[in-house]
Every structure is written in C-alpha cells, then in structure tokens.
Protein backbone atom coordinates (compact mmCIF):
# COMPACT_ATOMS: atom_id res chain seq x y z
CA MET A 1 -12.90 2.03 -8.82
CA ALA A 2 -15.98 0.59 -7.16
CA LEU A 3 -13.89 -0.22 -4.09
CA LYS A 4 -12.00 3.07 -4.06
CA HIS A 5 -14.86 5.49 -4.68
CA GLY A 6 -18.03 3.42 -4.52
CA ASP A 7 -17.93 1.96 -1.00
CA ARG A 8 -18.06 -1.56 -2.47
CA HIS A 9 -16.49 -3.34 0.52
CA ASP A 10 -18.23 -6.54 -0.55
CA ILE A 11 -15.60 -7.09 -3.25
CA VAL A 12 -12.61 -7.03 -0.84
CA LYS A 13 -12.51 -10.78 -0.14
CA THR A 14 -12.76 -11.72 -3.82
CA ALA A 15 -10.19 -9.07 -4.79
CA ALA A 16 -7.80 -10.31 -2.08
CA ASP A 17 -8.15 -13.87 -3.40
CA TRP A 18 -7.34 -12.64 -6.95
CA MET A 19 -4.28 -10.80 -5.67
CA ILE A 20 -3.04 -13.83 -3.74
CA GLY A 21 -3.56 -16.05 -6.78
CA ALA A 22 -1.60 -13.66 -8.98
CA GLY A 23 1.36 -13.53 -6.60
CA ALA A 24 4.24 -15.34 -8.27
CA ASN A 25 6.56 -15.81 -5.31
CA PRO A 26 5.77 -17.45 -1.98
CA LEU A 27 6.01 -15.11 0.97
CA ALA A 28 8.21 -15.75 3.98
CA PRO A 29 6.20 -16.59 7.10
CA ASP A 30 7.60 -13.53 8.91
CA THR A 31 6.37 -11.12 6.22
CA VAL A 32 4.62 -7.99 7.48
CA VAL A 33 1.69 -6.82 5.33
CA ILE A 34 1.36 -3.03 5.17
CA PRO A 35 -1.20 -0.98 3.22
CA VAL A 36 -0.30 2.22 1.44
CA PRO A 37 -1.28 4.89 3.98
CA LEU A 38 -3.73 7.71 3.46
CA HIS A 39 -3.25 11.11 5.02
CA LEU A 40 -5.67 11.65 7.91
CA THR A 41 -7.68 14.27 6.03
CA ARG A 42 -8.19 11.95 3.05
CA LEU A 43 -9.07 9.07 5.38
CA LEU A 44 -11.70 11.18 7.12
CA LYS A 45 -13.15 12.28 3.78
CA ARG A 46 -13.22 8.77 2.29
CA LYS A 47 -14.08 7.07 5.63
CA TYR A 48 -11.85 4.05 4.92
CA ASN A 49 -8.55 3.07 3.34
CA GLN A 50 -9.28 0.64 0.51
CA SER A 51 -5.66 -0.56 0.51
CA ALA A 52 -5.95 -1.36 4.21
CA LEU A 53 -9.07 -3.43 3.60
CA LEU A 54 -7.23 -5.45 0.95
CA ALA A 55 -4.09 -5.78 3.10
CA GLN A 56 -6.06 -7.00 6.09
CA ALA A 57 -7.84 -9.65 4.01
CA ILE A 58 -4.59 -10.82 2.40
CA ALA A 59 -2.77 -11.02 5.74
CA ALA A 60 -5.63 -13.02 7.27
CA ARG A 61 -5.77 -15.48 4.37
CA ARG A 62 -1.99 -15.97 4.31
CA LYS A 63 -1.69 -15.95 8.13
CA LEU A 64 0.77 -13.07 8.07
CA VAL A 65 1.26 -10.11 10.41
CA TYR A 66 -0.93 -7.17 9.41
CA CYS A 67 0.38 -3.73 10.35
CA PRO A 68 -2.10 -1.04 9.24
CA ASP A 69 0.04 1.79 10.65
CA GLY A 70 3.50 0.60 9.63
CA LEU A 71 3.85 3.64 7.39
CA LEU A 72 2.56 7.17 7.88
CA ARG A 73 1.66 9.77 5.27
CA ILE A 74 2.92 12.83 7.11
CA ARG A 75 2.16 15.39 4.44
CA ARG A 76 -1.15 15.96 2.75
CA THR A 77 -0.47 15.50 -0.92
CA ALA A 78 -2.54 16.85 -3.76
CA SER A 79 -4.57 14.45 -5.85
CA LEU A 80 -2.36 12.69 -8.38
CA ASP A 81 -5.13 12.52 -11.00
CA GLY A 82 -3.97 14.09 -14.24
CA LYS A 83 -0.34 14.49 -13.14
CA ASN A 84 2.49 13.10 -15.22
CA ARG A 85 5.04 10.62 -13.87
CA ALA A 86 7.63 13.23 -12.81
CA ASP A 87 5.00 15.36 -11.06
CA ARG A 88 3.66 12.31 -9.21
CA PHE A 89 7.12 11.40 -7.89
CA ALA A 90 7.78 15.03 -6.90
CA GLU A 91 4.43 15.31 -5.11
CA LEU A 92 5.13 12.22 -3.00
CA SER A 93 8.72 13.10 -2.12
CA ASP A 94 9.22 12.92 1.67
CA SER A 95 5.51 12.40 2.29
CA ILE A 96 5.60 8.79 3.58
CA VAL A 97 7.73 7.65 6.53
CA PRO A 98 7.98 4.57 8.71
CA ASN A 99 5.95 4.80 11.90
CA PRO A 100 8.50 5.14 14.74
CA LYS A 101 6.18 3.10 16.96
CA ARG A 102 6.55 0.16 14.54
CA SER A 103 10.32 0.33 13.92
CA ALA A 104 11.03 -2.92 15.79
CA LEU A 105 8.36 -4.74 13.76
CA LEU A 106 9.69 -3.49 10.41
CA LYS A 107 13.41 -3.94 11.02
CA ASP A 108 14.94 -7.03 9.37
CA ARG A 109 11.52 -8.29 8.23
CA PRO A 110 10.22 -8.82 4.70
CA ILE A 111 7.45 -6.39 3.80
CA LEU A 112 4.46 -6.82 1.49
CA LEU A 113 3.07 -3.43 0.47
CA ILE A 114 -0.55 -3.43 -0.69
CA ASP A 115 -2.20 -0.82 -2.89
CA ASP A 116 -5.42 -0.85 -4.84
CA VAL A 117 -4.25 0.82 -8.06
CA MET A 118 -0.76 1.50 -9.41
CA THR A 119 -0.37 4.21 -12.03
CA SER A 120 3.21 5.49 -12.16
CA GLY A 121 4.63 3.63 -9.16
CA ALA A 122 5.33 6.89 -7.31
CA THR A 123 3.29 5.98 -4.22
CA LEU A 124 4.75 2.49 -3.99
CA GLY A 125 8.20 3.96 -4.56
CA ALA A 126 7.75 6.36 -1.65
CA CYS A 127 6.48 3.53 0.54
CA SER A 128 9.40 1.30 -0.46
CA LEU A 129 11.89 4.04 0.43
CA ALA A 130 10.22 4.40 3.82
CA CYS A 131 10.48 0.64 4.43
CA HIS A 132 14.11 0.72 3.32
CA SER A 133 14.83 3.53 5.79
CA ALA A 134 13.26 1.32 8.50
CA GLN A 135 15.84 -1.35 7.57
CA SER A 136 13.27 -3.82 6.33
CA ARG A 137 14.52 -6.80 4.35
CA GLU A 138 13.04 -7.46 0.91
CA ILE A 139 10.09 -5.28 -0.03
CA CYS A 140 7.44 -6.73 -2.32
CA VAL A 141 4.38 -4.98 -3.70
CA MET A 142 0.96 -6.28 -4.66
CA VAL A 143 -1.74 -4.24 -6.38
CA LEU A 144 -5.27 -5.00 -7.44
CA ALA A 145 -5.09 -3.03 -10.69
CA ARG A 146 -2.48 -1.41 -12.90
CA VAL A 147 -3.24 1.60 -15.04
CA ALA A 148 -1.87 1.06 -18.54
CA LYS A 149 -1.15 3.79 -21.04
CA ALA A 150 -3.34 3.81 -24.10
CA ALA A 151 -1.45 2.61 -27.18
C-alpha cells in the first residue's frame, strides 16, 4: 500500500527483485512485459502507475521488452474497493483493450502482465482477455501482493 498510495517509489527495485525471485517458471526471451493500465483520469490523480514502475524494473532486470502502453483502459471504472467478486468482474467488463498501435508487438509473443495487488483476479482477467484478443501466446501474471480472505 505504501507504493500504491504512499508515493514510496524507493521500494520498487526491492519489490521487483522479490517478484522475480518468486517467479516459478523461466520466461522466454521474447516475452513482453506489460503493466496493468490505469485510466487517464486515475493516472492524473495518482501521478504514476505503480504497476508500470514494477513492470519497468522487472523488464530491465530480466532484459525483456517493456511495453507500458500495450493495453489501454478505455473506460473509467469505479473503485473496486468494497465490491464483491461478481461486481468486480462486471465493472471491468470491456474496459481494457489491446493498444492497436502495439498489435504487431503483442501478436504471437508471450506476455507477462504485472500488477501490484490482486484481489479477485478481475483486473488481470480483463487484461488477459485483451492480450488473448491481440493473439498473444501464453499469458503469465506476476503480482507483488495477493489479498487473502479472512478465515
């Protein structure tokens, strides 16, 4: 949360190293690293995309192609805080698409999607569908944190 809401950019490199270390499978050398996109209004409000900072650091460390605009969030979605799983998936439906300017880069390439926090998987699901529609090969995801339900 310090990265997402506290402007703690100093933890990006360490967090990227943790994420790389936790990755179970080796990545193909032609993998394209793409952050979960923010809508422009949210980006302007927050001033940065924390997932993009992580994705850029991971791509640099693994010597992979970094594509910050591979996906676009074309619809401003409401905050997902407090929403249940079904509402999260419904809110994100048709909100993320492949960037037409990057279609050649995404086609037939493996994709590594990066997000800071995964709660229900709705955002990563929407991003994965967008990559699939761009005819990407395998789509892997990597997150810094996973929200777990209280027992």
